[in-house]
């Protein structure tokens, strides 16, 4: 039994390494062209596949084919993708405002925040800077660009696996590239740690139901975070890595 478990763990490590090693997104030209099998969540033509955290229409303003993060309730006017997925590549382009911290983030499945914040020129690496997985891992390098320049995340995400009781039996894995540099490499993630994540802080019945289903299926949305700063987003897509992606319909 012990040898079989060891073999299983080694196989998981090899699979995760292979998934990360062939993940080399081209971030040299922005806006980037989506792959043919991508599901577009936000394109330049005005198509928006996001809903509010109540499941209704979003109230973020559109500006020249972009969405601008807009505060309503403090730190919680997030928008949630209408498409849900398990394992996927995620692409997000963003621009920080000329003033303020530029605080925002990409909440994968609502649980793991790839940090967005003004970090250009920062010397010490920590979990509060862009490229970090907030609450879990600091970035490998500081790849931040100055304010008002377009920046880009490409993220390969393998969701945690849970048993019938909703307990994580295999941690999730994240590899991320930011502005042409790898900032996370097979970083592992478990239960969410932030008290501000969407299923805990100023949550809604709509999100509670999503979280309930997510613990059973490991399938969930990606959020763009409101954290009181007017961060602009464009050219957002997911590329599913399995057959679990679907458009979410509330029961």
C-alpha atoms as a PDB file:
ATOM      1  CA  UNK A   1       0.000   0.000   0.000  1.00  0.00           C
ATOM      2  CA  UNK A   2       2.791   2.420   0.939  1.00  0.00           C
ATOM      3  CA  UNK A   3       4.704   1.702  -2.289  1.00  0.00           C
ATOM      4  CA  UNK A   4       1.527   2.190  -4.351  1.00  0.00           C
ATOM      5  CA  UNK A   5       0.850   5.563  -2.677  1.00  0.00           C
ATOM      6  CA  UNK A   6       4.449   6.650  -3.323  1.00  0.00           C
ATOM      7  CA  UNK A   7       4.111   5.685  -6.993  1.00  0.00           C
ATOM      8  CA  UNK A   8       0.852   7.634  -7.250  1.00  0.00           C
ATOM      9  CA  UNK A   9       2.400  10.774  -5.724  1.00  0.00           C
ATOM     10  CA  UNK A  10       5.412  10.558  -8.057  1.00  0.00           C
ATOM     11  CA  UNK A  11       3.075  10.245 -11.044  1.00  0.00           C
ATOM     12  CA  UNK A  12       1.161  13.362  -9.958  1.00  0.00           C
ATOM     13  CA  UNK A  13       4.418  15.306  -9.649  1.00  0.00           C
ATOM     14  CA  UNK A  14       5.501  14.211 -13.138  1.00  0.00           C
ATOM     15  CA  UNK A  15       2.144  15.175 -14.657  1.00  0.00           C
ATOM     16  CA  UNK A  16       2.173  18.602 -12.993  1.00  0.00           C
ATOM     17  CA  UNK A  17       5.757  19.215 -14.124  1.00  0.00           C
ATOM     18  CA  UNK A  18       4.888  18.277 -17.692  1.00  0.00           C
ATOM     19  CA  UNK A  19       1.886  20.624 -17.666  1.00  0.00           C
ATOM     20  CA  UNK A  20       4.106  23.493 -16.519  1.00  0.00           C
ATOM     21  CA  UNK A  21       7.098  22.738 -18.747  1.00  0.00           C
ATOM     22  CA  UNK A  22       5.130  23.055 -21.993  1.00  0.00           C
ATOM     23  CA  UNK A  23       3.441  26.259 -20.849  1.00  0.00           C
ATOM     24  CA  UNK A  24       5.362  29.005 -22.670  1.00  0.00           C
ATOM     25  CA  UNK A  25       2.878  31.770 -23.565  1.00  0.00           C
ATOM     26  CA  UNK A  26       3.939  34.438 -26.042  1.00  0.00           C
ATOM     27  CA  UNK A  27       3.547  37.753 -24.212  1.00  0.00           C
ATOM     28  CA  UNK A  28       5.670  39.791 -26.601  1.00  0.00           C
ATOM     29  CA  UNK A  29       2.782  41.591 -28.300  1.00  0.00           C
ATOM     30  CA  UNK A  30      -0.342  43.034 -26.703  1.00  0.00           C
ATOM     31  CA  UNK A  31      -3.202  42.624 -27.091  1.00  0.00           C
ATOM     32  CA  UNK A  32      -2.435  38.936 -27.547  1.00  0.00           C
ATOM     33  CA  UNK A  33      -4.406  36.834 -30.007  1.00  0.00           C
ATOM     34  CA  UNK A  34      -6.612  34.222 -28.331  1.00  0.00           C
ATOM     35  CA  UNK A  35      -6.077  30.588 -29.379  1.00  0.00           C
ATOM     36  CA  UNK A  36      -8.851  28.990 -31.414  1.00  0.00           C
ATOM     37  CA  UNK A  37     -10.039  26.838 -28.519  1.00  0.00           C
ATOM     38  CA  UNK A  38     -10.248  29.728 -26.051  1.00  0.00           C
ATOM     39  CA  UNK A  39     -13.508  30.858 -24.442  1.00  0.00           C
ATOM     40  CA  UNK A  40     -13.564  34.653 -24.620  1.00  0.00           C
ATOM     41  CA  UNK A  41     -14.792  36.330 -21.458  1.00  0.00           C
ATOM     42  CA  UNK A  42     -13.965  39.891 -22.506  1.00  0.00           C
ATOM     43  CA  UNK A  43     -13.087  40.935 -26.036  1.00  0.00           C
ATOM     44  CA  UNK A  44     -12.571  44.307 -27.638  1.00  0.00           C
ATOM     45  CA  UNK A  45     -15.915  44.191 -29.427  1.00  0.00           C
ATOM     46  CA  UNK A  46     -17.944  44.616 -26.283  1.00  0.00           C
ATOM     47  CA  UNK A  47     -18.837  40.987 -25.579  1.00  0.00           C
ATOM     48  CA  UNK A  48     -18.699  40.472 -21.804  1.00  0.00           C
ATOM     49  CA  UNK A  49     -19.099  37.009 -20.275  1.00  0.00           C
ATOM     50  CA  UNK A  50     -19.117  38.200 -16.668  1.00  0.00           C
ATOM     51  CA  UNK A  51     -21.910  38.648 -14.152  1.00  0.00           C
ATOM     52  CA  UNK A  52     -22.125  40.469 -10.848  1.00  0.00           C
ATOM     53  CA  UNK A  53     -21.703  38.606  -7.584  1.00  0.00           C
ATOM     54  CA  UNK A  54     -25.498  38.394  -7.362  1.00  0.00           C
ATOM     55  CA  UNK A  55     -25.679  36.749 -10.782  1.00  0.00           C
ATOM     56  CA  UNK A  56     -27.070  39.843 -12.522  1.00  0.00           C
ATOM     57  CA  UNK A  57     -25.639  42.445 -14.867  1.00  0.00           C
ATOM     58  CA  UNK A  58     -22.295  43.969 -13.950  1.00  0.00           C
ATOM     59  CA  UNK A  59     -21.983  47.684 -13.185  1.00  0.00           C
ATOM     60  CA  UNK A  60     -18.351  48.152 -14.183  1.00  0.00           C
ATOM     61  CA  UNK A  61     -18.206  50.785 -16.946  1.00  0.00           C
ATOM     62  CA  UNK A  62     -16.995  49.897 -20.420  1.00  0.00           C
ATOM     63  CA  UNK A  63     -14.289  52.134 -21.829  1.00  0.00           C
ATOM     64  CA  UNK A  64     -12.884  51.628 -25.326  1.00  0.00           C
ATOM     65  CA  UNK A  65     -13.389  47.867 -25.224  1.00  0.00           C
ATOM     66  CA  UNK A  66     -12.177  47.548 -21.627  1.00  0.00           C
ATOM     67  CA  UNK A  67     -13.836  47.139 -18.244  1.00  0.00           C
ATOM     68  CA  UNK A  68     -12.888  49.410 -15.340  1.00  0.00           C
ATOM     69  CA  UNK A  69     -12.986  48.003 -11.815  1.00  0.00           C
ATOM     70  CA  UNK A  70     -15.503  50.073  -9.861  1.00  0.00           C
ATOM     71  CA  UNK A  71     -16.210  50.243  -6.168  1.00  0.00           C
ATOM     72  CA  UNK A  72     -19.697  49.872  -4.717  1.00  0.00           C
ATOM     73  CA  UNK A  73     -19.270  48.013  -1.425  1.00  0.00           C
ATOM     74  CA  UNK A  74     -15.760  48.245  -0.019  1.00  0.00           C
ATOM     75  CA  UNK A  75     -13.391  45.757  -1.644  1.00  0.00           C
ATOM     76  CA  UNK A  76     -16.106  43.455  -2.915  1.00  0.00           C
ATOM     77  CA  UNK A  77     -17.746  44.624  -6.154  1.00  0.00           C
ATOM     78  CA  UNK A  78     -16.093  41.749  -7.999  1.00  0.00           C
ATOM     79  CA  UNK A  79     -17.297  40.353 -11.290  1.00  0.00           C
ATOM     80  CA  UNK A  80     -17.598  36.621 -11.871  1.00  0.00           C
ATOM     81  CA  UNK A  81     -17.186  34.692 -15.127  1.00  0.00           C
ATOM     82  CA  UNK A  82     -20.335  33.191 -16.595  1.00  0.00           C
ATOM     83  CA  UNK A  83     -18.216  30.234 -17.708  1.00  0.00           C
ATOM     84  CA  UNK A  84     -16.969  27.803 -15.073  1.00  0.00           C
ATOM     85  CA  UNK A  85     -14.076  25.378 -15.489  1.00  0.00           C
ATOM     86  CA  UNK A  86     -11.870  22.948 -13.614  1.00  0.00           C
ATOM     87  CA  UNK A  87      -8.347  22.997 -15.121  1.00  0.00           C
ATOM     88  CA  UNK A  88      -7.550  25.814 -17.550  1.00  0.00           C
ATOM     89  CA  UNK A  89      -5.133  28.355 -18.930  1.00  0.00           C
ATOM     90  CA  UNK A  90      -6.242  31.879 -18.023  1.00  0.00           C
ATOM     91  CA  UNK A  91      -5.233  35.055 -19.871  1.00  0.00           C
ATOM     92  CA  UNK A  92      -5.825  38.560 -18.474  1.00  0.00           C
ATOM     93  CA  UNK A  93      -4.509  41.934 -19.644  1.00  0.00           C
ATOM     94  CA  UNK A  94      -4.683  44.852 -17.221  1.00  0.00           C
ATOM     95  CA  UNK A  95      -3.609  48.465 -16.762  1.00  0.00           C
ATOM     96  CA  UNK A  96      -3.067  50.315 -13.491  1.00  0.00           C
ATOM     97  CA  UNK A  97      -4.470  53.822 -12.973  1.00  0.00           C
ATOM     98  CA  UNK A  98      -2.116  56.844 -12.766  1.00  0.00           C
ATOM     99  CA  UNK A  99      -2.702  57.253  -9.017  1.00  0.00           C
ATOM    100  CA  UNK A 100      -3.383  55.042  -6.033  1.00  0.00           C
ATOM    101  CA  UNK A 101      -2.127  51.574  -5.226  1.00  0.00           C
ATOM    102  CA  UNK A 102      -3.714  49.945  -8.284  1.00  0.00           C
ATOM    103  CA  UNK A 103      -4.888  47.120  -6.061  1.00  0.00           C
ATOM    104  CA  UNK A 104      -6.956  44.416  -7.742  1.00  0.00           C
ATOM    105  CA  UNK A 105      -6.517  40.763  -8.550  1.00  0.00           C
ATOM    106  CA  UNK A 106      -7.498  37.655 -10.455  1.00  0.00           C
ATOM    107  CA  UNK A 107      -9.385  35.300  -8.154  1.00  0.00           C
ATOM    108  CA  UNK A 108      -9.097  31.803  -9.628  1.00  0.00           C
ATOM    109  CA  UNK A 109     -12.201  29.864  -8.574  1.00  0.00           C
ATOM    110  CA  UNK A 110     -12.731  32.668  -6.072  1.00  0.00           C
ATOM    111  CA  UNK A 111     -10.031  31.123  -3.873  1.00  0.00           C
ATOM    112  CA  UNK A 112      -6.559  32.017  -5.146  1.00  0.00           C
ATOM    113  CA  UNK A 113      -5.673  35.617  -5.900  1.00  0.00           C
ATOM    114  CA  UNK A 114      -3.005  36.413  -8.452  1.00  0.00           C
ATOM    115  CA  UNK A 115      -2.142  39.841  -7.123  1.00  0.00           C
ATOM    116  CA  UNK A 116      -2.481  43.045  -9.147  1.00  0.00           C
ATOM    117  CA  UNK A 117      -0.960  46.112  -7.512  1.00  0.00           C
ATOM    118  CA  UNK A 118       1.596  48.824  -8.295  1.00  0.00           C
ATOM    119  CA  UNK A 119       4.968  47.139  -7.711  1.00  0.00           C
ATOM    120  CA  UNK A 120       7.268  48.606 -10.354  1.00  0.00           C
ATOM    121  CA  UNK A 121      10.765  49.133  -8.944  1.00  0.00           C
ATOM    122  CA  UNK A 122      10.060  47.277  -5.703  1.00  0.00           C
ATOM    123  CA  UNK A 123      13.187  45.447  -4.555  1.00  0.00           C
ATOM    124  CA  UNK A 124      11.973  43.006  -1.907  1.00  0.00           C
ATOM    125  CA  UNK A 125       9.737  40.167  -3.080  1.00  0.00           C
ATOM    126  CA  UNK A 126       6.658  39.477  -0.965  1.00  0.00           C
ATOM    127  CA  UNK A 127       3.059  38.276  -1.168  1.00  0.00           C
ATOM    128  CA  UNK A 128       1.668  41.804  -1.403  1.00  0.00           C
ATOM    129  CA  UNK A 129       3.126  42.518  -4.859  1.00  0.00           C
ATOM    130  CA  UNK A 130       2.087  41.753  -8.405  1.00  0.00           C
ATOM    131  CA  UNK A 131       2.958  38.211  -9.412  1.00  0.00           C
ATOM    132  CA  UNK A 132       2.228  36.815  -5.943  1.00  0.00           C
ATOM    133  CA  UNK A 133      -0.437  34.283  -5.030  1.00  0.00           C
ATOM    134  CA  UNK A 134      -1.803  36.205  -2.083  1.00  0.00           C
ATOM    135  CA  UNK A 135      -1.599  34.249   1.145  1.00  0.00           C
ATOM    136  CA  UNK A 136       0.461  31.468  -0.418  1.00  0.00           C
ATOM    137  CA  UNK A 137       3.543  32.414  -2.455  1.00  0.00           C
ATOM    138  CA  UNK A 138       5.612  35.478  -3.302  1.00  0.00           C
ATOM    139  CA  UNK A 139       6.649  35.845  -6.967  1.00  0.00           C
ATOM    140  CA  UNK A 140       9.910  34.420  -8.264  1.00  0.00           C
ATOM    141  CA  UNK A 141      10.839  37.809  -9.768  1.00  0.00           C
ATOM    142  CA  UNK A 142       9.430  41.328  -9.954  1.00  0.00           C
ATOM    143  CA  UNK A 143       8.058  41.546 -13.491  1.00  0.00           C
ATOM    144  CA  UNK A 144       5.948  44.674 -12.886  1.00  0.00           C
ATOM    145  CA  UNK A 145       5.659  47.429 -15.477  1.00  0.00           C
ATOM    146  CA  UNK A 146       5.042  51.119 -14.704  1.00  0.00           C
ATOM    147  CA  UNK A 147       1.552  52.529 -14.247  1.00  0.00           C
ATOM    148  CA  UNK A 148      -0.639  53.062 -17.329  1.00  0.00           C
ATOM    149  CA  UNK A 149       1.247  50.441 -19.346  1.00  0.00           C
ATOM    150  CA  UNK A 150      -0.660  47.341 -20.368  1.00  0.00           C
ATOM    151  CA  UNK A 151       0.456  44.245 -18.510  1.00  0.00           C
ATOM    152  CA  UNK A 152      -0.423  40.592 -19.008  1.00  0.00           C
ATOM    153  CA  UNK A 153      -0.901  37.451 -16.949  1.00  0.00           C
ATOM    154  CA  UNK A 154      -0.984  33.949 -18.391  1.00  0.00           C
ATOM    155  CA  UNK A 155      -1.822  31.357 -15.774  1.00  0.00           C
ATOM    156  CA  UNK A 156      -1.936  27.562 -15.984  1.00  0.00           C
ATOM    157  CA  UNK A 157      -4.210  26.257 -13.246  1.00  0.00           C
ATOM    158  CA  UNK A 158      -4.852  22.739 -12.056  1.00  0.00           C
ATOM    159  CA  UNK A 159      -7.670  22.772  -9.510  1.00  0.00           C
ATOM    160  CA  UNK A 160      -7.437  20.961  -6.173  1.00  0.00           C
ATOM    161  CA  UNK A 161      -9.158  17.602  -6.067  1.00  0.00           C
ATOM    162  CA  UNK A 162     -11.620  16.913  -3.253  1.00  0.00           C
ATOM    163  CA  UNK A 163     -13.211  13.782  -1.823  1.00  0.00           C
ATOM    164  CA  UNK A 164     -16.933  13.153  -1.349  1.00  0.00           C
ATOM    165  CA  UNK A 165     -16.886  15.218   1.856  1.00  0.00           C
ATOM    166  CA  UNK A 166     -15.338  18.237   0.112  1.00  0.00           C
ATOM    167  CA  UNK A 167     -11.910  17.759   1.704  1.00  0.00           C
ATOM    168  CA  UNK A 168      -8.876  18.484  -0.472  1.00  0.00           C
ATOM    169  CA  UNK A 169      -7.027  15.253  -1.215  1.00  0.00           C
ATOM    170  CA  UNK A 170      -4.688  16.729  -3.828  1.00  0.00           C
ATOM    171  CA  UNK A 171      -3.542  20.344  -3.772  1.00  0.00           C
ATOM    172  CA  UNK A 172      -3.994  22.648  -6.733  1.00  0.00           C
ATOM    173  CA  UNK A 173      -1.059  23.806  -8.855  1.00  0.00           C
ATOM    174  CA  UNK A 174      -0.426  27.209 -10.454  1.00  0.00           C
ATOM    175  CA  UNK A 175       2.221  28.273 -12.948  1.00  0.00           C
ATOM    176  CA  UNK A 176       2.053  31.909 -14.018  1.00  0.00           C
ATOM    177  CA  UNK A 177       3.823  34.230 -16.446  1.00  0.00           C
ATOM    178  CA  UNK A 178       3.706  38.003 -16.079  1.00  0.00           C
ATOM    179  CA  UNK A 179       5.020  40.375 -18.743  1.00  0.00           C
ATOM    180  CA  UNK A 180       7.305  37.747 -20.253  1.00  0.00           C
ATOM    181  CA  UNK A 181       8.716  36.379 -16.989  1.00  0.00           C
ATOM    182  CA  UNK A 182       7.730  33.302 -15.010  1.00  0.00           C
ATOM    183  CA  UNK A 183       6.528  34.432 -11.594  1.00  0.00           C
ATOM    184  CA  UNK A 184       5.079  31.147 -10.274  1.00  0.00           C
ATOM    185  CA  UNK A 185       6.358  27.652 -11.079  1.00  0.00           C
ATOM    186  CA  UNK A 186       4.226  24.689 -10.014  1.00  0.00           C
ATOM    187  CA  UNK A 187       3.131  26.574  -6.901  1.00  0.00           C
ATOM    188  CA  UNK A 188       0.785  24.513  -4.747  1.00  0.00           C
ATOM    189  CA  UNK A 189      -2.430  25.855  -3.219  1.00  0.00           C
ATOM    190  CA  UNK A 190      -4.855  24.347  -0.722  1.00  0.00           C
ATOM    191  CA  UNK A 191      -7.812  25.727   1.175  1.00  0.00           C
ATOM    192  CA  UNK A 192      -8.334  29.487   0.640  1.00  0.00           C
ATOM    193  CA  UNK A 193      -6.701  31.660   3.286  1.00  0.00           C
ATOM    194  CA  UNK A 194      -7.861  35.220   2.707  1.00  0.00           C
ATOM    195  CA  UNK A 195     -10.768  36.468   4.814  1.00  0.00           C
ATOM    196  CA  UNK A 196     -11.621  38.792   1.924  1.00  0.00           C
ATOM    197  CA  UNK A 197     -12.169  36.110  -0.697  1.00  0.00           C
ATOM    198  CA  UNK A 198     -15.594  36.250  -2.405  1.00  0.00           C
ATOM    199  CA  UNK A 199     -17.221  33.321  -0.618  1.00  0.00           C
ATOM    200  CA  UNK A 200     -16.517  34.824   2.819  1.00  0.00           C
ATOM    201  CA  UNK A 201     -16.437  38.618   2.633  1.00  0.00           C
ATOM    202  CA  UNK A 202     -19.659  40.464   1.669  1.00  0.00           C
ATOM    203  CA  UNK A 203     -20.796  37.318  -0.115  1.00  0.00           C
ATOM    204  CA  UNK A 204     -24.199  36.593  -1.694  1.00  0.00           C
ATOM    205  CA  UNK A 205     -26.592  33.635  -2.026  1.00  0.00           C
ATOM    206  CA  UNK A 206     -25.490  33.325  -5.668  1.00  0.00           C
ATOM    207  CA  UNK A 207     -21.845  32.902  -4.654  1.00  0.00           C
ATOM    208  CA  UNK A 208     -22.680  30.600  -1.743  1.00  0.00           C
ATOM    209  CA  UNK A 209     -24.371  28.209  -4.167  1.00  0.00           C
ATOM    210  CA  UNK A 210     -21.366  28.325  -6.502  1.00  0.00           C
ATOM    211  CA  UNK A 211     -19.034  27.524  -3.604  1.00  0.00           C
ATOM    212  CA  UNK A 212     -21.272  24.644  -2.540  1.00  0.00           C
ATOM    213  CA  UNK A 213     -21.142  23.127  -6.031  1.00  0.00           C
ATOM    214  CA  UNK A 214     -17.446  23.860  -6.423  1.00  0.00           C
ATOM    215  CA  UNK A 215     -16.561  21.803  -3.343  1.00  0.00           C
ATOM    216  CA  UNK A 216     -18.285  18.827  -4.992  1.00  0.00           C
ATOM    217  CA  UNK A 217     -16.920  19.207  -8.523  1.00  0.00           C
ATOM    218  CA  UNK A 218     -13.730  21.339  -8.403  1.00  0.00           C
ATOM    219  CA  UNK A 219     -15.397  23.407 -11.142  1.00  0.00           C
ATOM    220  CA  UNK A 220     -15.767  27.157 -10.663  1.00  0.00           C
ATOM    221  CA  UNK A 221     -15.393  30.662 -12.134  1.00  0.00           C
ATOM    222  CA  UNK A 222     -12.661  33.243 -12.345  1.00  0.00           C
ATOM    223  CA  UNK A 223     -13.280  36.626 -10.695  1.00  0.00           C
ATOM    224  CA  UNK A 224     -11.847  40.036 -11.495  1.00  0.00           C
ATOM    225  CA  UNK A 225     -11.444  41.769  -8.161  1.00  0.00           C
ATOM    226  CA  UNK A 226     -12.624  45.144  -6.975  1.00  0.00           C
ATOM    227  CA  UNK A 227     -10.259  46.527  -4.339  1.00  0.00           C
ATOM    228  CA  UNK A 228     -11.183  50.221  -4.478  1.00  0.00           C
ATOM    229  CA  UNK A 229      -8.992  51.049  -7.508  1.00  0.00           C
ATOM    230  CA  UNK A 230      -9.924  51.819 -11.121  1.00  0.00           C
ATOM    231  CA  UNK A 231      -7.888  49.057 -12.789  1.00  0.00           C
ATOM    232  CA  UNK A 232      -8.704  48.455 -16.455  1.00  0.00           C
ATOM    233  CA  UNK A 233      -9.093  44.970 -17.954  1.00  0.00           C
ATOM    234  CA  UNK A 234      -9.225  43.751 -21.528  1.00  0.00           C
ATOM    235  CA  UNK A 235      -8.728  40.590 -23.585  1.00  0.00           C
ATOM    236  CA  UNK A 236      -9.678  38.027 -20.952  1.00  0.00           C
ATOM    237  CA  UNK A 237     -10.065  34.384 -21.892  1.00  0.00           C
ATOM    238  CA  UNK A 238      -9.864  30.853 -20.564  1.00  0.00           C
ATOM    239  CA  UNK A 239      -8.620  27.795 -22.404  1.00  0.00           C
ATOM    240  CA  UNK A 240     -10.020  24.655 -20.725  1.00  0.00           C
ATOM    241  CA  UNK A 241      -7.601  21.762 -20.249  1.00  0.00           C
ATOM    242  CA  UNK A 242     -10.328  19.143 -19.774  1.00  0.00           C
ATOM    243  CA  UNK A 243     -13.989  18.608 -20.668  1.00  0.00           C
ATOM    244  CA  UNK A 244     -15.444  20.155 -17.491  1.00  0.00           C
ATOM    245  CA  UNK A 245     -15.932  23.749 -18.695  1.00  0.00           C
ATOM    246  CA  UNK A 246     -19.538  24.905 -18.998  1.00  0.00           C
ATOM    247  CA  UNK A 247     -21.674  27.991 -18.853  1.00  0.00           C
ATOM    248  CA  UNK A 248     -23.066  28.185 -15.338  1.00  0.00           C
ATOM    249  CA  UNK A 249     -26.820  28.131 -14.904  1.00  0.00           C
ATOM    250  CA  UNK A 250     -28.237  28.563 -11.434  1.00  0.00           C
ATOM    251  CA  UNK A 251     -30.759  25.898 -10.382  1.00  0.00           C
END
